[in-house]
Amino acid sequence: MPNVKIKNCLDNFFKRFINTVEAETGNLPTTKNEPDWPSDCQQGDAFLSEEMVDSIHWQPIQRETNNALAGLEKALDIEIHQDIQAFFCHYWSEQIETIFQQGNLLLLFVWNQADMERLIENQIGHALGKIRNKQTLTFFIACTDSDYIISIENDSGQVVLERPGYPMEKILASNLTQFINELEYGKLSA
């Protein structure tokens, strides 16, 4: 059962996100329409954006909060921290651009079941590298504009900054709730 505190934090995060986008644009967020990559998040019909891209409106959709990461746990023979479970298993969502401590982040949510399977494969690869290098086990939740990623340490639940293949470099937040509550929406200019 996912952590209720994280579930509520994500609920509030997505409400703030949708309210911010609707206040700025008058619409739900948009993403590129990919007919072969459908999601329950998609809203309405596809349309051509101002940039002449086939687009569609979307919004995060709550999903069954089952243990969708059971395959990851089984492959690694470990228990995944409940915050990681809640982050990836509570909603279907497109990735979301955010700002944390003056840096751009792309939060890596799951769009559909095929995306969940791809996420599990990538997380297994990341975890095996950590285990092989005798490093603290982490699972990534976001990427940055540089070669750094944001991860959750599996034992403690701390949110950390690291580069793939290297030990974690910095603790960003003591837990996922603190981290999410410090995020701002958007992207800083280069």
Foldseek 3Di string as FASTA:
>chain_A
DADVLLLVLVVVLQVVVQVVCCVVPVAADKDADDPVQDFPQFDDAWDQDPVRGGMTGGGKDFDDLDQLLVVLCVVVVHDFASSVSSQARGIADCWFWKDAPNFIKTFDYHNDSVSSVVLSVVQSVQQVLCVVVVEQGWRFGIDTPDQWTWTARRPQQFIFIDHRNDHTDGGRGSHDSVRSVRIGGDHDDD
